[in-house]
Amino acid sequence: MAINVKLDDMLYTRRMSLTELSERVGITLANLSVLKTGKARAIRFSTLDAICDVLQCQPGDILEFRPGEARDRDRTDTGREPNAA
């Protein structure tokens, strides 16, 4: 996927554990782990908003677009993601 998730970097910078972020944001540790490892195929704006609020950062601090990387999305994809964090 052309989107790289840099949540680990921001957690390190803020000296915060994934568990602490999970508790402060109100999102399960499992869902944040899926996001952190780059396995999430989507993220809700409300989730992104909550993460950025807690980490005091901008969305671009945790999400990065890498031009030229292969997209793994099927052309018939509806855009509805069952595993949105």
N, C-alpha and C. Protein backbone atom coordinates (compact mmCIF):
# COMPACT_ATOMS: atom_id res chain seq x y z
N MET A 1 0.85 -1.17 0.00
CA MET A 1 0.00 0.00 0.00
C MET A 1 0.90 1.23 0.00
N ALA A 2 0.44 2.28 -0.60
CA ALA A 2 1.22 3.50 -0.74
C ALA A 2 1.17 4.39 0.51
N ILE A 3 0.38 4.02 1.51
CA ILE A 3 0.31 4.78 2.75
C ILE A 3 1.11 4.06 3.83
N ASN A 4 2.04 4.78 4.42
CA ASN A 4 2.87 4.24 5.49
C ASN A 4 2.39 4.84 6.81
N VAL A 5 2.18 3.99 7.82
CA VAL A 5 1.74 4.44 9.14
C VAL A 5 2.96 4.59 10.03
N LYS A 6 3.15 5.80 10.55
CA LYS A 6 4.31 6.11 11.39
C LYS A 6 3.92 6.29 12.85
N LEU A 7 2.94 5.53 13.29
CA LEU A 7 2.44 5.67 14.67
C LEU A 7 3.53 5.31 15.68
N ASP A 8 4.34 4.30 15.38
CA ASP A 8 5.44 3.92 16.27
C ASP A 8 6.37 5.09 16.55
N ASP A 9 6.71 5.82 15.48
CA ASP A 9 7.61 6.97 15.63
C ASP A 9 7.02 8.03 16.55
N MET A 10 5.73 8.31 16.38
CA MET A 10 5.09 9.33 17.21
C MET A 10 4.96 8.86 18.66
N LEU A 11 4.66 7.59 18.85
CA LEU A 11 4.59 7.06 20.22
C LEU A 11 5.95 7.16 20.90
N TYR A 12 7.00 6.84 20.17
CA TYR A 12 8.35 6.95 20.71
C TYR A 12 8.67 8.40 21.07
N THR A 13 8.36 9.30 20.17
CA THR A 13 8.62 10.73 20.41
C THR A 13 7.88 11.23 21.64
N ARG A 14 6.65 10.77 21.81
CA ARG A 14 5.82 11.22 22.94
C ARG A 14 6.04 10.37 24.20
N ARG A 15 6.91 9.36 24.09
CA ARG A 15 7.19 8.44 25.20
C ARG A 15 5.90 7.86 25.77
N MET A 16 5.11 7.32 24.86
CA MET A 16 3.81 6.75 25.24
C MET A 16 3.72 5.33 24.70
N SER A 17 3.14 4.45 25.46
CA SER A 17 2.94 3.07 25.00
C SER A 17 1.64 2.98 24.20
N LEU A 18 1.55 1.94 23.41
CA LEU A 18 0.33 1.70 22.65
C LEU A 18 -0.84 1.46 23.60
N THR A 19 -0.56 0.81 24.71
CA THR A 19 -1.61 0.55 25.71
C THR A 19 -2.14 1.87 26.28
N GLU A 20 -1.23 2.79 26.59
CA GLU A 20 -1.67 4.09 27.13
C GLU A 20 -2.47 4.86 26.08
N LEU A 21 -2.02 4.84 24.83
CA LEU A 21 -2.77 5.52 23.76
C LEU A 21 -4.16 4.91 23.63
N SER A 22 -4.23 3.59 23.68
CA SER A 22 -5.51 2.89 23.59
C SER A 22 -6.47 3.35 24.67
N GLU A 23 -5.98 3.44 25.90
CA GLU A 23 -6.82 3.86 27.01
C GLU A 23 -7.26 5.32 26.87
N ARG A 24 -6.35 6.18 26.45
CA ARG A 24 -6.65 7.61 26.35
C ARG A 24 -7.56 7.94 25.17
N VAL A 25 -7.45 7.15 24.08
CA VAL A 25 -8.25 7.39 22.89
C VAL A 25 -9.60 6.68 22.98
N GLY A 26 -9.64 5.57 23.73
CA GLY A 26 -10.87 4.80 23.84
C GLY A 26 -11.07 3.84 22.69
N ILE A 27 -9.97 3.32 22.16
CA ILE A 27 -9.98 2.36 21.06
C ILE A 27 -9.27 1.11 21.54
N THR A 28 -9.75 -0.04 21.14
CA THR A 28 -9.14 -1.27 21.61
C THR A 28 -7.68 -1.36 21.20
N LEU A 29 -6.92 -2.02 22.03
CA LEU A 29 -5.51 -2.24 21.76
C LEU A 29 -5.34 -3.02 20.46
N ALA A 30 -6.23 -3.97 20.22
CA ALA A 30 -6.16 -4.77 18.99
C ALA A 30 -6.31 -3.89 17.75
N ASN A 31 -7.27 -2.97 17.76
CA ASN A 31 -7.47 -2.09 16.60
C ASN A 31 -6.28 -1.16 16.39
N LEU A 32 -5.73 -0.62 17.48
CA LEU A 32 -4.56 0.25 17.34
C LEU A 32 -3.36 -0.54 16.85
N SER A 33 -3.24 -1.77 17.28
CA SER A 33 -2.14 -2.62 16.84
C SER A 33 -2.22 -2.88 15.34
N VAL A 34 -3.42 -3.12 14.83
CA VAL A 34 -3.62 -3.32 13.40
C VAL A 34 -3.21 -2.06 12.64
N LEU A 35 -3.56 -0.92 13.16
CA LEU A 35 -3.17 0.35 12.54
C LEU A 35 -1.66 0.54 12.59
N LYS A 36 -1.08 0.32 13.75
CA LYS A 36 0.35 0.54 13.96
C LYS A 36 1.21 -0.33 13.05
N THR A 37 0.79 -1.55 12.83
CA THR A 37 1.57 -2.47 12.01
C THR A 37 1.34 -2.27 10.51
N GLY A 38 0.44 -1.36 10.16
CA GLY A 38 0.20 -1.09 8.75
C GLY A 38 -0.75 -2.07 8.10
N LYS A 39 -1.44 -2.87 8.89
CA LYS A 39 -2.37 -3.88 8.33
C LYS A 39 -3.78 -3.35 8.15
N ALA A 40 -4.06 -2.17 8.69
CA ALA A 40 -5.40 -1.58 8.53
C ALA A 40 -5.56 -1.10 7.10
N ARG A 41 -6.74 -1.29 6.55
CA ARG A 41 -7.01 -0.83 5.19
C ARG A 41 -7.75 0.49 5.18
N ALA A 42 -8.16 0.94 6.36
CA ALA A 42 -8.88 2.21 6.46
C ALA A 42 -8.78 2.72 7.89
N ILE A 43 -9.06 4.00 8.06
CA ILE A 43 -9.14 4.58 9.40
C ILE A 43 -10.25 5.62 9.38
N ARG A 44 -11.06 5.61 10.39
CA ARG A 44 -12.14 6.60 10.49
C ARG A 44 -11.54 7.95 10.86
N PHE A 45 -12.14 9.01 10.35
CA PHE A 45 -11.67 10.35 10.70
C PHE A 45 -11.80 10.59 12.20
N SER A 46 -12.83 10.05 12.82
CA SER A 46 -13.00 10.23 14.26
C SER A 46 -11.86 9.56 15.03
N THR A 47 -11.38 8.42 14.53
CA THR A 47 -10.25 7.74 15.15
C THR A 47 -8.98 8.55 14.96
N LEU A 48 -8.76 9.02 13.75
CA LEU A 48 -7.59 9.84 13.45
C LEU A 48 -7.60 11.12 14.28
N ASP A 49 -8.77 11.73 14.40
CA ASP A 49 -8.93 12.94 15.21
C ASP A 49 -8.56 12.67 16.67
N ALA A 50 -9.05 11.57 17.22
CA ALA A 50 -8.78 11.23 18.62
C ALA A 50 -7.29 10.95 18.84
N ILE A 51 -6.67 10.23 17.93
CA ILE A 51 -5.24 9.93 18.04
C ILE A 51 -4.43 11.21 17.98
N CYS A 52 -4.74 12.06 17.02
CA CYS A 52 -4.01 13.33 16.88
C CYS A 52 -4.21 14.23 18.09
N ASP A 53 -5.41 14.21 18.67
CA ASP A 53 -5.69 15.01 19.86
C ASP A 53 -4.82 14.55 21.03
N VAL A 54 -4.79 13.25 21.27
CA VAL A 54 -4.01 12.71 22.38
C VAL A 54 -2.51 12.91 22.16
N LEU A 55 -2.04 12.67 20.94
CA LEU A 55 -0.61 12.79 20.66
C LEU A 55 -0.18 14.22 20.33
N GLN A 56 -1.16 15.14 20.25
CA GLN A 56 -0.87 16.53 19.91
C GLN A 56 -0.02 16.61 18.64
N CYS A 57 -0.58 16.03 17.57
CA CYS A 57 0.13 16.00 16.29
C CYS A 57 -0.85 16.21 15.15
N GLN A 58 -0.32 16.29 13.96
CA GLN A 58 -1.11 16.42 12.74
C GLN A 58 -1.22 15.05 12.09
N PRO A 59 -2.28 14.80 11.29
CA PRO A 59 -2.40 13.51 10.60
C PRO A 59 -1.15 13.15 9.79
N GLY A 60 -0.51 14.14 9.20
CA GLY A 60 0.70 13.89 8.42
C GLY A 60 1.88 13.43 9.26
N ASP A 61 1.78 13.61 10.57
CA ASP A 61 2.84 13.13 11.45
C ASP A 61 2.78 11.61 11.63
N ILE A 62 1.60 11.02 11.39
CA ILE A 62 1.48 9.57 11.56
C ILE A 62 1.14 8.83 10.27
N LEU A 63 0.74 9.56 9.23
CA LEU A 63 0.45 8.94 7.94
C LEU A 63 1.33 9.58 6.88
N GLU A 64 1.90 8.73 6.03
CA GLU A 64 2.80 9.21 4.99
C GLU A 64 2.44 8.53 3.67
N PHE A 65 2.34 9.31 2.61
CA PHE A 65 2.08 8.78 1.28
C PHE A 65 3.42 8.52 0.59
N ARG A 66 3.57 7.31 0.09
CA ARG A 66 4.79 6.94 -0.63
C ARG A 66 4.46 6.75 -2.10
N PRO A 67 4.72 7.74 -2.92
CA PRO A 67 4.41 7.62 -4.35
C PRO A 67 5.17 6.46 -4.98
N GLY A 68 4.51 5.81 -5.89
CA GLY A 68 5.16 4.74 -6.63
C GLY A 68 5.06 3.37 -5.98
N GLU A 69 4.60 3.28 -4.75
CA GLU A 69 4.47 1.96 -4.12
C GLU A 69 3.21 1.30 -4.65
N ALA A 70 3.27 0.00 -4.76
CA ALA A 70 2.16 -0.78 -5.32
C ALA A 70 0.92 -0.64 -4.46
N ARG A 71 -0.20 -0.51 -5.12
CA ARG A 71 -1.49 -0.48 -4.43
C ARG A 71 -2.04 -1.88 -4.47
N ASP A 72 -2.54 -2.37 -3.35
CA ASP A 72 -3.07 -3.73 -3.29
C ASP A 72 -4.60 -3.75 -3.37
N ARG A 73 -5.17 -2.64 -3.78
CA ARG A 73 -6.62 -2.53 -3.83
C ARG A 73 -7.17 -3.03 -5.16
N ASP A 74 -8.20 -3.77 -5.10
CA ASP A 74 -8.87 -4.30 -6.28
C ASP A 74 -9.72 -3.21 -6.92
N ARG A 75 -9.75 -3.17 -8.24
CA ARG A 75 -10.52 -2.13 -8.95
C ARG A 75 -12.02 -2.22 -8.66
N THR A 76 -12.51 -3.39 -8.24
CA THR A 76 -13.93 -3.55 -7.95
C THR A 76 -14.25 -3.26 -6.49
N ASP A 77 -13.27 -2.83 -5.72
CA ASP A 77 -13.45 -2.54 -4.31
C ASP A 77 -14.52 -1.46 -4.14
N THR A 78 -15.40 -1.66 -3.17
CA THR A 78 -16.50 -0.72 -2.95
C THR A 78 -16.08 0.47 -2.09
N GLY A 79 -14.90 0.38 -1.47
CA GLY A 79 -14.48 1.45 -0.59
C GLY A 79 -14.95 1.25 0.85
N ARG A 80 -15.79 0.26 1.07
CA ARG A 80 -16.25 -0.03 2.43
C ARG A 80 -15.28 -1.00 3.06
N GLU A 81 -14.71 -0.62 4.17
CA GLU A 81 -13.70 -1.42 4.82
C GLU A 81 -14.24 -2.03 6.11
N PRO A 82 -14.29 -3.35 6.21
CA PRO A 82 -14.81 -3.98 7.42
C PRO A 82 -13.87 -3.85 8.61
N ASN A 83 -12.58 -3.61 8.38
CA ASN A 83 -11.61 -3.57 9.48
C ASN A 83 -11.13 -2.16 9.76
N ALA A 84 -11.97 -1.18 9.60
CA ALA A 84 -11.56 0.20 9.87
C ALA A 84 -11.24 0.36 11.34
N ALA A 85 -10.11 0.97 11.63
CA ALA A 85 -9.71 1.16 13.03
C ALA A 85 -10.53 2.26 13.66
